Amino acid sequence: MSAIAVDPKYDSPIAPPVFVGATPWLAAIVLITGTLLQAIEFLLEAGSDDNAARVAFWAAHPAQVGLSMASGLLAVPFLLGGSAILVALTRASSRHLSWVGGAFMAFGLVGLDAVHG
């Protein structure tokens, strides 16, 4: 029997870290805050598919609907920041695809903000 030892060699250079210092914590807070505010919006709104029942719920619970819409509107800047963070994280491996994805995400979030406004 013979033993073959393979020494792995890495030809690609190791990319420097995207976030240094306290910025990883800030990035994590932005990502978590945006999704948490969006989840609060979904939990507070009426889950009915019937439009008449939904409008009746809005009329019966104006404070809950207002809080739901406010948290959804407040979530949009954090979600935009989260998509910018994702572009920064994926930019090294696929620059064009990350920028295109970030641009489409920004367009979608601006549309979501227009619906909330």
Protein backbone atom coordinates (compact mmCIF):
# COMPACT_ATOMS: atom_id res chain seq x y z
CA MET A 1 0.00 0.00 0.00
CA SER A 2 1.08 3.49 -0.68
CA ALA A 3 -0.06 6.65 0.99
CA ILE A 4 -0.56 9.78 -1.04
CA ALA A 5 -0.57 13.09 0.73
CA VAL A 6 -2.23 15.91 -1.09
CA ASP A 7 -1.29 19.42 -0.13
CA PRO A 8 -4.13 21.78 -1.05
CA LYS A 9 -3.06 24.99 -2.73
CA TYR A 10 -5.30 27.96 -3.06
CA ASP A 11 -4.69 29.97 -6.20
CA SER A 12 -7.32 32.60 -5.59
CA PRO A 13 -6.39 35.46 -3.27
CA ILE A 14 -8.34 35.81 -0.05
CA ALA A 15 -10.61 38.85 -0.15
CA PRO A 16 -10.27 41.40 2.61
CA PRO A 17 -13.19 41.63 5.03
CA VAL A 18 -16.02 43.86 3.86
CA PHE A 19 -16.90 45.21 7.29
CA VAL A 20 -14.33 45.95 10.00
CA GLY A 21 -14.58 47.32 13.50
CA ALA A 22 -18.09 47.95 14.74
CA THR A 23 -19.70 47.94 11.29
CA PRO A 24 -20.58 44.20 11.35
CA TRP A 25 -22.74 44.90 14.40
CA LEU A 26 -24.34 47.88 12.69
CA ALA A 27 -25.01 45.78 9.58
CA ALA A 28 -26.61 43.06 11.69
CA ILE A 29 -28.79 45.59 13.49
CA VAL A 30 -29.95 47.09 10.18
CA LEU A 31 -30.80 43.67 8.74
CA ILE A 32 -32.66 42.52 11.85
CA THR A 33 -34.53 45.80 12.39
CA GLY A 34 -35.90 45.92 8.85
CA THR A 35 -37.18 42.38 8.90
CA LEU A 36 -38.56 42.76 12.43
CA LEU A 37 -40.52 45.89 11.50
CA GLN A 38 -41.87 44.17 8.39
CA ALA A 39 -42.93 41.15 10.47
CA ILE A 40 -44.70 43.46 12.94
CA GLU A 41 -46.60 44.99 10.05
CA PHE A 42 -47.74 41.59 8.80
CA LEU A 43 -48.75 40.42 12.28
CA LEU A 44 -50.86 43.51 12.97
CA GLU A 45 -52.79 43.64 9.71
CA ALA A 46 -55.99 41.73 9.00
CA GLY A 47 -55.36 38.37 7.37
CA SER A 48 -58.62 38.20 5.42
CA ASP A 49 -58.73 37.78 1.65
CA ASP A 50 -62.17 39.35 1.46
CA ASN A 51 -61.89 43.09 0.78
CA ALA A 52 -65.11 43.96 2.62
CA ALA A 53 -63.94 42.12 5.75
CA ARG A 54 -60.57 43.83 5.57
CA VAL A 55 -62.10 47.31 5.29
CA ALA A 56 -64.47 46.50 8.17
CA PHE A 57 -61.43 45.46 10.25
CA TRP A 58 -59.73 48.75 9.39
CA ALA A 59 -62.79 50.70 10.51
CA ALA A 60 -63.07 48.73 13.74
CA HIS A 61 -59.35 48.90 14.66
CA PRO A 62 -57.86 52.19 13.41
CA ALA A 63 -55.01 52.27 15.95
CA GLN A 64 -53.85 48.76 15.09
CA VAL A 65 -53.96 49.48 11.36
CA GLY A 66 -52.11 52.76 11.89
CA LEU A 67 -49.38 51.00 13.85
CA SER A 68 -49.16 48.33 11.16
CA MET A 69 -48.77 50.90 8.37
CA ALA A 70 -46.30 52.96 10.40
CA SER A 71 -44.07 49.96 11.08
CA GLY A 72 -44.20 49.00 7.40
CA LEU A 73 -43.26 52.53 6.34
CA LEU A 74 -40.47 52.65 8.91
CA ALA A 75 -39.14 49.29 7.73
CA VAL A 76 -38.40 50.47 4.18
CA PRO A 77 -35.20 52.47 4.95
CA PHE A 78 -33.85 49.55 6.95
CA LEU A 79 -34.70 47.15 4.12
CA LEU A 80 -32.93 49.46 1.66
CA GLY A 81 -29.91 49.46 3.96
CA GLY A 82 -30.12 45.67 4.15
CA SER A 83 -30.06 45.37 0.38
CA ALA A 84 -27.03 47.70 0.28
CA ILE A 85 -25.34 45.43 2.81
CA LEU A 86 -26.09 42.40 0.66
CA VAL A 87 -24.63 44.17 -2.38
CA ALA A 88 -21.48 44.95 -0.39
CA LEU A 89 -21.17 41.33 0.74
CA THR A 90 -21.69 39.78 -2.70
CA ARG A 91 -19.84 42.39 -4.77
CA ALA A 92 -16.49 40.61 -4.59
CA SER A 93 -17.71 37.35 -6.12
CA SER A 94 -20.18 38.66 -8.70
CA ARG A 95 -19.95 42.40 -9.19
CA HIS A 96 -22.45 42.90 -12.01
CA LEU A 97 -25.06 40.49 -10.65
CA SER A 98 -24.90 42.02 -7.18
CA TRP A 99 -25.39 45.55 -8.54
CA VAL A 100 -28.30 44.48 -10.76
CA GLY A 101 -29.92 42.64 -7.86
CA GLY A 102 -29.43 45.64 -5.58
CA ALA A 103 -30.94 47.99 -8.16
CA PHE A 104 -34.01 45.78 -8.64
CA MET A 105 -34.38 45.47 -4.89
CA ALA A 106 -34.21 49.25 -4.52
CA PHE A 107 -36.88 49.69 -7.22
CA GLY A 108 -39.14 47.20 -5.45
CA LEU A 109 -38.66 48.82 -2.06
CA VAL A 110 -39.38 52.30 -3.44
CA GLY A 111 -42.61 50.85 -4.88
CA LEU A 112 -43.42 49.32 -1.50
CA ASP A 113 -42.79 52.69 0.12
CA ALA A 114 -45.13 54.34 -2.39
CA VAL A 115 -47.86 51.86 -1.51
CA HIS A 116 -47.42 52.59 2.20
CA GLY A 117 -47.34 56.33 1.67
